[in-house]
Amino acid sequence: MKINKYSAILMAIFIVIPFMGFNSVSNADKKTDKQADKKDAPAIYASPNKKSYSPGESGVLTLTFKTGSKLKIPKDPEVTVSLTSDDVEGQGLQDYSGSDGDYITNSKVKYNFTVPGGAVSGSTLTISGNVKFGYCSSVDGVCKLGNQTFSAKIKVK
């Protein structure tokens, strides 16, 4: 009886356990390509050119790509911005095609907006949206597409 018990244990160790599919990578370490791309994509910072605006006044929102030294933002594909808030009226990106080479200078683009004429004095408005862009590694030359959100607050005079 003891021999059968030990035989069963040895059989389990050598036959059953290898088929259970032990994996040296834990589930916490696994990432989908989409998750990895989002982590590697540059962050976006939005800053208005002023802190407060009059109703009906136009302003400029500078969108800065936090790229580090190894990423660059190419001119092609075009950077596109879409607003997700109705607090301001979007006018579109300023032309950035004149910068040198194939990449955007200083990894910054400027977006024009207008504060609605009916904005309430003393209120705070939120400018939020999405930015779609390309980014390229200067190490291996691989380019990917990014899609990041941004948000900035302004006061109405």
Protein backbone atom coordinates (compact mmCIF):
# COMPACT_ATOMS: atom_id res chain seq x y z
CA MET A 1 0.00 0.00 0.00
CA LYS A 2 2.83 2.38 0.80
CA ILE A 3 4.41 1.73 -2.57
CA ASN A 4 1.22 2.67 -4.41
CA LYS A 5 0.89 5.87 -2.41
CA TYR A 6 4.46 6.91 -3.24
CA SER A 7 4.01 5.87 -6.84
CA ALA A 8 0.93 8.06 -7.11
CA ILE A 9 2.80 11.05 -5.65
CA LEU A 10 5.76 10.55 -8.00
CA MET A 11 3.40 10.12 -10.94
CA ALA A 12 1.69 13.40 -10.02
CA ILE A 13 5.01 15.20 -9.79
CA PHE A 14 6.42 13.95 -13.08
CA ILE A 15 3.30 13.61 -15.21
CA VAL A 16 0.43 15.81 -14.00
CA ILE A 17 2.22 18.91 -12.72
CA PRO A 18 4.15 19.68 -15.97
CA PHE A 19 0.83 19.69 -17.85
CA MET A 20 -0.62 22.27 -15.48
CA GLY A 21 1.31 24.93 -17.36
CA PHE A 22 3.44 26.64 -14.78
CA ASN A 23 4.43 30.04 -16.05
CA SER A 24 7.30 32.12 -14.74
CA VAL A 25 5.45 35.38 -15.57
CA SER A 26 2.69 36.33 -13.16
CA ASN A 27 -0.61 37.73 -14.39
CA ALA A 28 0.29 41.05 -12.78
CA ASP A 29 3.34 41.31 -15.06
CA LYS A 30 1.40 40.59 -18.24
CA LYS A 31 0.27 43.59 -20.29
CA THR A 32 -1.66 43.86 -23.47
CA ASP A 33 -0.06 45.79 -26.31
CA LYS A 34 -2.63 48.55 -25.81
CA GLN A 35 -1.75 48.93 -22.11
CA ALA A 36 1.97 48.98 -22.87
CA ASP A 37 1.50 51.55 -25.65
CA LYS A 38 -0.54 53.84 -23.40
CA LYS A 39 2.15 53.63 -20.71
CA ASP A 40 4.92 54.42 -23.22
CA ALA A 41 3.03 57.27 -24.93
CA PRO A 42 3.94 60.81 -23.91
CA ALA A 43 1.71 62.55 -21.39
CA ILE A 44 -0.02 65.77 -22.44
CA TYR A 45 0.01 68.99 -20.41
CA ALA A 46 -2.35 71.84 -21.30
CA SER A 47 -1.75 75.43 -20.23
CA PRO A 48 -3.72 78.53 -21.28
CA ASN A 49 -1.81 81.69 -22.26
CA LYS A 50 -3.66 83.63 -19.51
CA LYS A 51 -5.46 82.74 -16.29
CA SER A 52 -8.62 84.79 -16.94
CA TYR A 53 -10.59 85.85 -20.00
CA SER A 54 -13.51 88.14 -20.76
CA PRO A 55 -16.67 86.64 -22.30
CA GLY A 56 -16.18 86.38 -26.07
CA GLU A 57 -12.38 86.68 -25.81
CA SER A 58 -10.06 84.34 -27.72
CA GLY A 59 -7.19 82.49 -26.11
CA VAL A 60 -4.44 80.00 -26.83
CA LEU A 61 -3.99 76.66 -25.12
CA THR A 62 -0.45 75.26 -25.37
CA LEU A 63 -0.40 71.46 -25.47
CA THR A 64 2.98 70.12 -24.41
CA PHE A 65 3.98 66.52 -25.03
CA LYS A 66 6.06 65.18 -22.13
CA THR A 67 8.42 63.12 -24.29
CA GLY A 68 11.72 62.84 -22.49
CA SER A 69 14.92 62.64 -24.49
CA LYS A 70 14.11 59.47 -26.44
CA LEU A 71 10.74 60.36 -28.03
CA LYS A 72 9.84 62.87 -30.72
CA ILE A 73 6.47 64.01 -32.08
CA PRO A 74 6.38 63.83 -35.90
CA LYS A 75 4.43 66.26 -38.09
CA ASP A 76 2.92 63.33 -39.96
CA PRO A 77 0.45 61.95 -38.92
CA GLU A 78 -1.13 65.28 -38.04
CA VAL A 79 -1.90 66.10 -34.44
CA THR A 80 -5.68 66.29 -33.98
CA VAL A 81 -7.52 67.83 -31.05
CA SER A 82 -11.17 67.30 -30.15
CA LEU A 83 -12.82 69.04 -27.22
CA THR A 84 -14.96 67.00 -24.84
CA SER A 85 -16.28 69.98 -22.86
CA ASP A 86 -18.74 72.62 -24.06
CA ASP A 87 -17.24 75.34 -21.85
CA VAL A 88 -15.28 76.94 -24.73
CA GLU A 89 -15.53 76.97 -28.50
CA GLY A 90 -12.60 75.33 -30.26
CA GLN A 91 -11.04 77.19 -33.18
CA GLY A 92 -8.38 74.64 -34.11
CA LEU A 93 -4.65 74.11 -34.04
CA GLN A 94 -2.19 76.77 -35.09
CA ASP A 95 0.01 75.80 -38.03
CA TYR A 96 3.06 73.88 -36.82
CA SER A 97 4.30 72.74 -40.24
CA GLY A 98 6.95 75.46 -40.44
CA SER A 99 9.15 73.94 -37.74
CA ASP A 100 12.43 72.38 -38.83
CA GLY A 101 12.65 68.79 -40.04
CA ASP A 102 10.07 66.04 -39.69
CA TYR A 103 9.31 66.67 -36.01
CA ILE A 104 7.40 69.32 -34.07
CA THR A 105 9.68 71.88 -32.45
CA ASN A 106 9.82 71.68 -28.64
CA SER A 107 7.07 68.99 -28.71
CA LYS A 108 4.42 71.72 -28.38
CA VAL A 109 1.35 72.68 -30.39
CA LYS A 110 -1.05 75.57 -29.83
CA TYR A 111 -4.83 75.31 -29.92
CA ASN A 112 -7.00 78.40 -30.38
CA PHE A 113 -10.27 78.72 -28.46
CA THR A 114 -12.93 81.34 -27.69
CA VAL A 115 -14.75 81.87 -24.42
CA PRO A 116 -18.51 81.96 -25.10
CA GLY A 117 -20.05 85.45 -25.08
CA GLY A 118 -22.59 84.36 -22.47
CA ALA A 119 -20.01 83.07 -19.98
CA VAL A 120 -20.80 84.18 -16.43
CA SER A 121 -18.32 86.60 -14.87
CA GLY A 122 -16.45 85.02 -11.94
CA SER A 123 -17.06 81.46 -13.13
CA THR A 124 -14.39 78.85 -13.86
CA LEU A 125 -14.47 77.04 -17.19
CA THR A 126 -12.81 73.73 -18.02
CA ILE A 127 -11.18 73.10 -21.36
CA SER A 128 -10.85 69.34 -21.82
CA GLY A 129 -10.44 67.00 -24.73
CA ASN A 130 -8.42 64.37 -26.60
CA VAL A 131 -5.22 64.68 -28.57
CA LYS A 132 -4.35 62.09 -31.22
CA PHE A 133 -0.75 62.11 -32.40
CA GLY A 134 2.20 60.05 -33.53
CA TYR A 135 5.35 59.57 -31.48
CA CYS A 136 8.65 58.06 -32.50
CA SER A 137 11.54 56.56 -30.59
CA SER A 138 14.90 58.09 -31.43
CA VAL A 139 16.55 54.89 -30.16
CA ASP A 140 14.99 52.30 -32.48
CA GLY A 141 13.05 54.50 -34.94
CA VAL A 142 9.72 52.79 -34.16
CA CYS A 143 6.69 55.08 -34.41
CA LYS A 144 3.31 54.55 -32.73
CA LEU A 145 -0.01 56.34 -32.45
CA GLY A 146 -1.03 57.96 -29.18
CA ASN A 147 -4.33 59.21 -27.83
CA GLN A 148 -4.24 61.21 -24.59
CA THR A 149 -6.68 63.38 -22.69
CA PHE A 150 -6.02 66.87 -21.35
CA SER A 151 -7.71 69.39 -19.10
CA ALA A 152 -7.13 73.02 -18.13
CA LYS A 153 -9.14 75.56 -16.16
CA ILE A 154 -9.65 79.25 -16.88
CA LYS A 155 -11.55 82.02 -15.05
CA VAL A 156 -14.03 84.39 -16.64
CA LYS A 157 -13.48 88.10 -15.81
